[in-house]
Structures are given as C-alpha cells and as structure tokens.
Amino acid sequence: MSTKKIRVAVIGAGNVAQIAHLPAYKNHPEVELVALVEEDQVKARKVAAQFGIGQVYDDITRMLKGEEIDAVDICTPNYLHAPMAITALRAGCHVLCEKPVARNATEAKKMVNTAKKSKKILMVAMNNRFRRDVEILKEFVKRGELGNVQLVKAGWRRTAQDWKDREWFKDQKKSGGGALLDLGLPKMDLAMWIAGLKKPTRVSCNLFQLDGRRGVEDSACAMVNFADGSCLILEVTWNLLEPKDNVYLEIYGSKGAATLHPFRVHKAMHGHLVNVTPAIEQRNYYKESYRREIDHFIDCIQRKRKPLTPGAEAASVLRILDAMYESAASGREVDVS
C-alpha cells in the first residue's frame, strides 16, 4: 500500500459537506484536502478557511485542470451528480458521490460505464451501510438466525418543514423526484442490503402531494415483490404531521423478527419467543457512519478494492425506483424481472 497521501477535492460546500465529509477528510492522516469547488465563492472561502483548504474554485473543470487530484467527493444537488462524476472519472479521479447517485437509472448507468472505462472507483455515499448496528443485524440475517426472510417493512417519515433553503428540491428536472427519491432510495437500499433481498419481480406505488403546485411528491408508499416470494413495503413522507420524525426498519422471517430502530432481535426457540438482541455499545452510529464511509473510500483507493457501496448496485436500486414512478403514473403494477 502506498504511503502517499490521497489528494482530495470536495465539490459543494453545503450541510452534508460541512457536517460530515469535510471533517472526516480533515481528520484522516492519509488525506490531503487540496481544493473546494463551490459556486458561492463567499461561502467557499469561509468553509475553505475553516478546514484549511488551500485552493477554491467555482468550476470543477477548471479545478481538475489546475490541480493534481486523486479523488473527488461530490456533495451537490442531484442534477449535477452525473455530469460532475463523469467529468472527474474521465480526468482520472476516483469518485465518491452523495446519494442519490443520479436522478434515474439511465444517468447512473452512464456513470458506471465511465468508471469501468477509466478503471476508477465510483462509490456512492450510502452511509447507513457503515453503521455498526446495521452490520450486526445484517450478519444475523446472513447466518439464517431469522430463517427465510418473508417480509421487510421500511419507512422514513419526516415532520413537515419549509424547503426554502433548497428550492431545487421541488424542481422535478433538478431533483429527479421528491420524498420517494430523497428518503425512499436510502431506506430501500438499506432494507434490501440487510435482508439480502434480490431479484425484484413486480413493483407497485402510489404518490401523494399536499400542494399540487409542487413539482415533486411529498409522500409515497410502495411494494416490491421478489423472486423468492419475499416482499418489501416502503413508506416515506416529507410532511408528517407529528412532533418528531419516525424512522423504522422491520424484518420478519420464518424463525424470528428484528427491528433496527430500536435494535431488537427475537427468535422462536423451544416453543418460546426469546430476546436474542446482542449487547452493543450505545453511541451515535449515524454520525460515526460518515467517518467510516470516508475511511472506507480512502482504503479502497489505496488497496484497489471494490467499495461496499458501488455505483453498479446504486444503479440497480434506481431501476426499481424508476419502476415505482412508472407504477404511480400508470396506476398499475410494473414488471421489473
């Protein structure tokens, strides 16, 4: 493994970059934060000073021409993910892209193909896969502790809020979708990954809007059927009229059941229901997941490894999501087999 520091440029200086990505790179001993690209130059200079970044640009192409970069981290609005990732990959950079990797499966596939041609890593920032409680639950399922997985229920219901700080969220052309893409994609990815759900066959979906003038959906509910007979039920909303958010993931198998929020595992043993939840240290796994995600990205670059969250997998999940939007528009079930 090379001892040379990995030279990183971060694209976008919004909340996720400032709160999660930049601190993780700054604290990584084998990373050099070289450049920050941000259209708002006042914000860019302020953030760059905070994290000790020497160079600030307002354009990714000029940055790539002006700097020697090993990896690019994209934390921009959805419509910029594909063009920026493709530009960086063609310039010979590895890419970590925030979720969703693209607005649809077609864009994602172009990114994946470019990564293959350039022989560079395209990793998607599905940070929840790097949670320690998630890893433990996945191992339980993988070992067959719950038996055959039959039903998975996943939901992310956020309290109603104003999106004025991110107006592009409501623009279909820029965002690619509303609550289903923003909240449903990471929940579906996590649920399928933990439960080992593969080979989707049929999808049905309903979308809802509180304000018909908005360009994207506020809420959605969907069902995905799989070849082995298992089923995933997904529920998301941006407009939960309750005091706090509600996030859940439930897995039901032939021998037991498990939940992630809170982490609980129960099994049928000798005619009794037994709590077999492992004792794990209580800490902020969500916050920690971002640091572990960045560490993994750098490790994959150094050791030339395939990432835990590759672009190809993200494209496959987006294909299911595209089918959900098709189902909602047509009012019928869509075959994805």
Protein backbone atom coordinates (compact mmCIF):
# COMPACT_ATOMS: atom_id res chain seq x y z
CA MET A 1 0.00 0.00 0.00
CA SER A 2 1.30 3.43 -0.96
CA THR A 3 2.26 5.85 1.81
CA LYS A 4 1.49 8.82 -0.44
CA LYS A 5 -1.38 10.95 0.81
CA ILE A 6 -4.58 10.83 -1.22
CA ARG A 7 -5.26 14.27 -2.68
CA VAL A 8 -8.98 15.04 -2.42
CA ALA A 9 -11.21 17.78 -3.84
CA VAL A 10 -14.71 18.27 -2.42
CA ILE A 11 -17.40 19.62 -4.74
CA GLY A 12 -20.13 21.52 -2.92
CA ALA A 13 -19.98 23.27 0.46
CA GLY A 14 -23.48 22.61 1.76
CA ASN A 15 -24.59 20.99 5.01
CA VAL A 16 -23.56 17.41 4.30
CA ALA A 17 -20.12 18.53 3.16
CA GLN A 18 -19.53 20.74 6.20
CA ILE A 19 -21.01 18.44 8.82
CA ALA A 20 -19.91 15.02 7.55
CA HIS A 21 -17.49 14.86 4.63
CA LEU A 22 -15.00 17.65 5.26
CA PRO A 23 -14.39 16.85 8.96
CA ALA A 24 -13.78 13.18 8.07
CA TYR A 25 -11.21 14.06 5.41
CA LYS A 26 -9.60 16.70 7.62
CA ASN A 27 -9.07 14.16 10.41
CA HIS A 28 -7.80 11.39 8.13
CA PRO A 29 -4.00 11.11 8.44
CA GLU A 30 -3.57 9.83 4.88
CA VAL A 31 -5.64 12.52 3.14
CA GLU A 32 -4.70 15.98 1.86
CA LEU A 33 -7.68 18.27 1.28
CA VAL A 34 -6.46 20.14 -1.79
CA ALA A 35 -9.43 22.05 -3.21
CA LEU A 36 -13.03 23.06 -2.65
CA VAL A 37 -15.38 23.76 -5.55
CA GLU A 38 -18.44 25.88 -4.78
CA GLU A 39 -20.45 28.31 -6.91
CA ASP A 40 -20.98 30.65 -3.94
CA GLN A 41 -17.45 31.98 -3.56
CA VAL A 42 -18.13 33.82 -0.30
CA LYS A 43 -19.26 30.56 1.30
CA ALA A 44 -16.41 28.68 -0.39
CA ARG A 45 -13.69 30.91 1.07
CA LYS A 46 -15.24 30.76 4.55
CA VAL A 47 -15.52 26.96 4.52
CA ALA A 48 -12.06 26.53 2.98
CA ALA A 49 -10.53 28.64 5.75
CA GLN A 50 -12.36 26.60 8.39
CA PHE A 51 -10.94 23.31 7.09
CA GLY A 52 -7.55 24.53 5.93
CA ILE A 53 -8.18 24.02 2.22
CA GLY A 54 -5.69 25.93 0.10
CA GLN A 55 -7.50 26.31 -3.21
CA VAL A 56 -11.05 27.44 -4.00
CA TYR A 57 -12.76 27.16 -7.39
CA ASP A 58 -16.21 27.86 -8.78
CA ASP A 59 -15.97 25.25 -11.56
CA ILE A 60 -14.98 21.57 -11.46
CA THR A 61 -13.36 21.60 -14.90
CA ARG A 62 -11.03 24.49 -14.01
CA MET A 63 -10.19 22.77 -10.73
CA LEU A 64 -9.26 19.49 -12.45
CA LYS A 65 -7.05 21.36 -14.91
CA GLY A 66 -5.36 23.35 -12.17
CA GLU A 67 -4.75 20.67 -9.55
CA GLU A 68 -3.36 17.15 -9.21
CA ILE A 69 -6.28 15.27 -7.72
CA ASP A 70 -6.64 11.58 -6.81
CA ALA A 71 -10.26 11.64 -5.68
CA VAL A 72 -13.32 13.85 -5.98
CA ASP A 73 -16.17 13.92 -3.45
CA ILE A 74 -19.46 15.22 -4.90
CA CYS A 75 -21.89 16.90 -2.46
CA THR A 76 -24.00 18.90 -4.90
CA PRO A 77 -27.69 18.94 -5.94
CA ASN A 78 -28.89 15.79 -7.73
CA TYR A 79 -28.85 17.15 -11.30
CA LEU A 80 -25.12 17.83 -11.05
CA HIS A 81 -24.11 14.36 -9.84
CA ALA A 82 -23.87 12.60 -13.20
CA PRO A 83 -22.11 15.34 -15.24
CA MET A 84 -19.65 16.11 -12.45
CA ALA A 85 -18.87 12.46 -11.72
CA ILE A 86 -18.36 11.67 -15.40
CA THR A 87 -16.06 14.70 -15.75
CA ALA A 88 -13.99 13.64 -12.74
CA LEU A 89 -13.79 9.98 -13.81
CA ARG A 90 -12.67 10.93 -17.31
CA ALA A 91 -9.98 13.12 -15.72
CA GLY A 92 -8.63 10.03 -13.93
CA CYS A 93 -10.12 10.63 -10.47
CA HIS A 94 -11.86 8.21 -8.15
CA VAL A 95 -15.32 9.45 -7.18
CA LEU A 96 -17.44 9.35 -4.03
CA CYS A 97 -20.91 10.72 -4.84
CA GLU A 98 -23.63 11.62 -2.36
CA LYS A 99 -26.97 9.84 -2.65
CA PRO A 100 -28.88 9.58 -4.84
CA VAL A 101 -26.05 8.81 -7.23
CA ALA A 102 -28.21 10.21 -10.06
CA ARG A 103 -31.75 11.29 -10.89
CA ASN A 104 -32.54 7.98 -12.61
CA ALA A 105 -31.06 4.65 -13.63
CA THR A 106 -30.10 5.86 -17.12
CA GLU A 107 -27.84 8.57 -15.69
CA ALA A 108 -26.42 6.16 -13.13
CA LYS A 109 -25.60 3.60 -15.82
CA LYS A 110 -23.62 6.22 -17.77
CA MET A 111 -21.62 6.95 -14.62
CA VAL A 112 -20.96 3.25 -14.04
CA ASN A 113 -19.83 2.72 -17.64
CA THR A 114 -17.49 5.73 -17.43
CA ALA A 115 -15.96 4.35 -14.22
CA LYS A 116 -15.35 1.00 -15.93
CA LYS A 117 -13.69 2.65 -18.93
CA SER A 118 -11.49 4.85 -16.75
CA LYS A 119 -10.76 1.96 -14.34
CA LYS A 120 -11.58 4.21 -11.39
CA ILE A 121 -13.77 3.73 -8.33
CA LEU A 122 -17.33 5.05 -8.32
CA MET A 123 -18.62 4.78 -4.76
CA VAL A 124 -22.00 6.02 -3.54
CA ALA A 125 -22.36 7.65 -0.12
CA MET A 126 -24.85 5.17 1.37
CA ASN A 127 -23.51 5.93 4.84
CA ASN A 128 -26.05 3.83 6.75
CA ARG A 129 -24.40 0.65 5.49
CA PHE A 130 -21.43 1.65 7.66
CA ARG A 131 -23.39 1.75 10.93
CA ARG A 132 -22.20 -0.81 13.46
CA ASP A 133 -25.75 -1.82 14.45
CA VAL A 134 -26.59 -2.30 10.77
CA GLU A 135 -23.55 -4.55 10.27
CA ILE A 136 -24.56 -6.71 13.23
CA LEU A 137 -28.16 -7.04 12.04
CA LYS A 138 -27.03 -7.95 8.53
CA GLU A 139 -24.80 -10.68 9.97
CA PHE A 140 -27.76 -12.10 11.93
CA VAL A 141 -29.80 -12.34 8.75
CA LYS A 142 -26.90 -13.74 6.73
CA ARG A 143 -26.36 -16.53 9.27
CA GLY A 144 -30.01 -17.53 8.97
CA GLU A 145 -30.87 -16.56 12.53
CA LEU A 146 -34.27 -15.27 11.39
CA GLY A 147 -34.87 -18.12 8.95
CA ASN A 148 -36.12 -17.26 5.48
CA VAL A 149 -36.91 -13.55 5.19
CA GLN A 150 -40.55 -13.14 4.21
CA LEU A 151 -41.50 -9.51 4.79
CA VAL A 152 -39.49 -6.31 5.24
CA LYS A 153 -41.11 -3.01 6.20
CA ALA A 154 -39.14 0.23 5.94
CA GLY A 155 -40.21 3.81 6.47
CA TRP A 156 -38.87 7.33 6.89
CA ARG A 157 -41.46 9.91 7.88
CA ARG A 158 -40.11 13.43 8.35
CA THR A 159 -42.04 16.21 10.04
CA ALA A 160 -43.41 18.93 7.78
CA GLN A 161 -40.90 21.69 7.09
CA ASP A 162 -40.09 24.54 4.74
CA TRP A 163 -37.62 23.75 1.93
CA LYS A 164 -36.76 27.37 1.05
CA ASP A 165 -33.08 26.70 1.71
CA ARG A 166 -33.10 24.09 -1.06
CA GLU A 167 -35.54 25.27 -3.71
CA TRP A 168 -34.12 22.81 -6.24
CA PHE A 169 -35.68 20.01 -4.15
CA LYS A 170 -39.10 20.96 -5.54
CA ASP A 171 -37.96 21.16 -9.17
CA GLN A 172 -38.54 17.79 -10.88
CA LYS A 173 -35.90 18.45 -13.54
CA LYS A 174 -33.22 19.24 -10.96
CA SER A 175 -34.09 16.80 -8.18
CA GLY A 176 -35.35 13.86 -10.24
CA GLY A 177 -38.06 13.20 -7.65
CA GLY A 178 -39.38 14.08 -4.23
CA ALA A 179 -39.71 12.16 -0.98
CA LEU A 180 -39.55 8.78 -2.74
CA LEU A 181 -36.12 9.52 -4.22
CA ASP A 182 -34.76 11.53 -1.28
CA LEU A 183 -35.95 9.32 1.59
CA GLY A 184 -37.16 6.14 -0.09
CA LEU A 185 -33.99 5.36 -2.02
CA PRO A 186 -31.63 5.13 1.01
CA LYS A 187 -34.25 3.24 3.06
CA MET A 188 -34.88 0.74 0.25
CA ASP A 189 -31.17 0.28 -0.35
CA LEU A 190 -30.57 -0.37 3.35
CA ALA A 191 -33.53 -2.73 3.71
CA MET A 192 -32.57 -4.80 0.67
CA TRP A 193 -28.91 -4.93 1.71
CA ILE A 194 -29.56 -6.04 5.30
CA ALA A 195 -32.25 -8.57 4.38
CA GLY A 196 -30.41 -9.90 1.32
CA LEU A 197 -33.38 -9.20 -0.96
CA LYS A 198 -32.51 -9.91 -4.60
CA LYS A 199 -34.18 -10.38 -7.97
CA PRO A 200 -37.15 -8.00 -7.79
CA THR A 201 -40.08 -9.05 -9.97
CA ARG A 202 -43.00 -6.63 -9.51
CA VAL A 203 -43.42 -3.09 -8.21
CA SER A 204 -46.47 -1.04 -7.28
CA CYS A 205 -46.50 2.53 -5.93
CA ASN A 206 -48.70 5.49 -5.01
CA LEU A 207 -47.51 9.11 -4.77
CA PHE A 208 -49.15 11.97 -2.88
CA GLN A 209 -48.89 15.77 -2.87
CA LEU A 210 -50.27 18.18 -0.29
CA ASP A 211 -49.65 21.09 -2.62
CA GLY A 212 -50.48 20.36 -6.25
CA ARG A 213 -48.26 23.21 -7.40
CA ARG A 214 -45.14 21.46 -6.14
CA GLY A 215 -43.22 19.66 -8.84
CA VAL A 216 -42.47 16.55 -6.79
CA GLU A 217 -44.26 14.19 -4.43
CA ASP A 218 -44.44 14.83 -0.68
CA SER A 219 -45.23 11.23 0.26
CA ALA A 220 -45.17 7.74 -1.21
CA CYS A 221 -45.97 4.15 -0.39
CA ALA A 222 -44.72 1.22 -2.46
CA MET A 223 -44.39 -2.55 -2.55
CA VAL A 224 -41.66 -4.63 -4.17
CA ASN A 225 -42.05 -8.37 -4.73
CA PHE A 226 -39.02 -10.64 -5.13
CA ALA A 227 -38.44 -13.93 -6.94
CA ASP A 228 -38.19 -15.95 -3.71
CA GLY A 229 -41.63 -14.79 -2.59
CA SER A 230 -40.41 -12.15 -0.14
CA CYS A 231 -41.84 -8.64 -0.10
CA LEU A 232 -40.68 -5.13 0.80
CA ILE A 233 -43.16 -2.45 1.87
CA LEU A 234 -41.84 1.13 1.76
CA GLU A 235 -43.39 4.27 3.25
CA VAL A 236 -41.95 7.79 3.13
CA THR A 237 -43.10 11.37 3.64
CA TRP A 238 -41.79 14.91 3.99
CA ASN A 239 -44.99 16.03 5.67
CA LEU A 240 -45.52 14.01 8.83
CA LEU A 241 -47.94 15.99 11.00
CA GLU A 242 -46.49 14.77 14.28
CA PRO A 243 -43.96 16.34 16.72
CA LYS A 244 -40.94 14.29 15.60
CA ASP A 245 -39.60 12.18 12.76
CA ASN A 246 -40.31 8.47 12.60
CA VAL A 247 -37.82 6.03 11.08
CA TYR A 248 -38.23 2.27 11.11
CA LEU A 249 -36.93 -0.95 9.60
CA GLU A 250 -38.55 -4.28 10.44
CA ILE A 251 -37.57 -7.73 9.18
CA TYR A 252 -39.86 -10.74 9.58
CA GLY A 253 -38.55 -14.24 8.93
CA SER A 254 -39.72 -17.84 9.36
CA LYS A 255 -37.78 -18.23 12.63
CA GLY A 256 -37.74 -14.71 14.10
CA ALA A 257 -38.00 -10.99 13.61
CA ALA A 258 -35.80 -7.92 14.05
CA THR A 259 -36.06 -4.14 14.15
CA LEU A 260 -33.35 -1.52 13.70
CA HIS A 261 -35.00 1.47 15.41
CA PRO A 262 -34.60 0.41 18.18
CA PHE A 263 -32.27 -2.54 17.60
CA ARG A 264 -34.11 -5.69 18.70
CA VAL A 265 -33.91 -9.35 17.63
CA HIS A 266 -36.40 -12.04 18.72
CA LYS A 267 -36.39 -15.74 17.81
CA ALA A 268 -38.73 -18.66 18.32
CA MET A 269 -36.79 -21.19 20.43
CA HIS A 270 -38.16 -24.36 22.07
CA GLY A 271 -41.70 -23.07 21.81
CA HIS A 272 -40.90 -19.67 23.31
CA LEU A 273 -40.15 -16.21 21.96
CA VAL A 274 -36.65 -15.30 23.11
CA ASN A 275 -34.95 -11.90 23.01
CA VAL A 276 -31.53 -12.57 21.45
CA THR A 277 -30.55 -8.92 20.92
CA PRO A 278 -26.75 -8.67 21.26
CA ALA A 279 -25.33 -6.20 23.74
CA ILE A 280 -23.71 -3.35 21.80
CA GLU A 281 -22.25 -0.09 22.96
CA GLN A 282 -24.76 2.76 22.77
CA ARG A 283 -23.39 5.64 20.73
CA ASN A 284 -24.22 7.81 17.73
CA TYR A 285 -23.85 5.22 14.97
CA TYR A 286 -25.40 7.58 12.41
CA LYS A 287 -22.75 10.26 12.91
CA GLU A 288 -20.00 7.65 13.07
CA SER A 289 -21.17 6.10 9.79
CA TYR A 290 -19.97 9.09 7.77
CA ARG A 291 -16.43 8.83 9.16
CA ARG A 292 -16.33 5.08 8.49
CA GLU A 293 -17.68 5.68 4.98
CA ILE A 294 -14.87 8.14 4.15
CA ASP A 295 -12.26 5.84 5.73
CA HIS A 296 -13.54 3.00 3.53
CA PHE A 297 -13.40 5.15 0.38
CA ILE A 298 -9.77 6.08 1.04
CA ASP A 299 -8.90 2.46 1.88
CA CYS A 300 -10.45 1.25 -1.38
CA ILE A 301 -8.33 3.73 -3.33
CA GLN A 302 -5.14 2.75 -1.53
CA ARG A 303 -5.71 -1.01 -1.70
CA LYS A 304 -7.52 -1.03 -5.06
CA ARG A 305 -10.58 -2.68 -3.55
CA LYS A 306 -14.20 -2.73 -4.65
CA PRO A 307 -16.27 -0.44 -2.40
CA LEU A 308 -19.08 -1.68 -0.16
CA THR A 309 -21.45 0.72 -1.95
CA PRO A 310 -20.51 0.51 -5.66
CA GLY A 311 -22.14 2.57 -8.35
CA ALA A 312 -23.48 -0.51 -10.12
CA GLU A 313 -25.58 -1.50 -7.09
CA ALA A 314 -26.93 2.03 -6.80
CA ALA A 315 -27.95 1.93 -10.46
CA SER A 316 -29.86 -1.33 -9.85
CA VAL A 317 -31.77 0.18 -6.92
CA LEU A 318 -32.56 3.26 -9.04
CA ARG A 319 -34.03 0.95 -11.68
CA ILE A 320 -36.55 -0.26 -9.07
CA LEU A 321 -37.27 3.34 -8.09
CA ASP A 322 -37.86 4.29 -11.73
CA ALA A 323 -40.41 1.46 -11.88
CA MET A 324 -42.12 2.89 -8.80
CA TYR A 325 -42.57 6.23 -10.53
CA GLU A 326 -43.86 4.41 -13.62
CA SER A 327 -46.35 2.46 -11.49
CA ALA A 328 -47.62 5.63 -9.81
CA ALA A 329 -48.04 7.40 -13.16
CA SER A 330 -49.82 4.50 -14.85
CA GLY A 331 -51.85 3.28 -11.89
CA ARG A 332 -50.74 -0.30 -12.43
CA GLU A 333 -48.17 -2.81 -11.24
CA VAL A 334 -44.88 -2.77 -13.17
CA ASP A 335 -42.82 -5.84 -14.07
CA VAL A 336 -39.12 -5.40 -13.25
CA SER A 337 -37.98 -9.00 -13.70
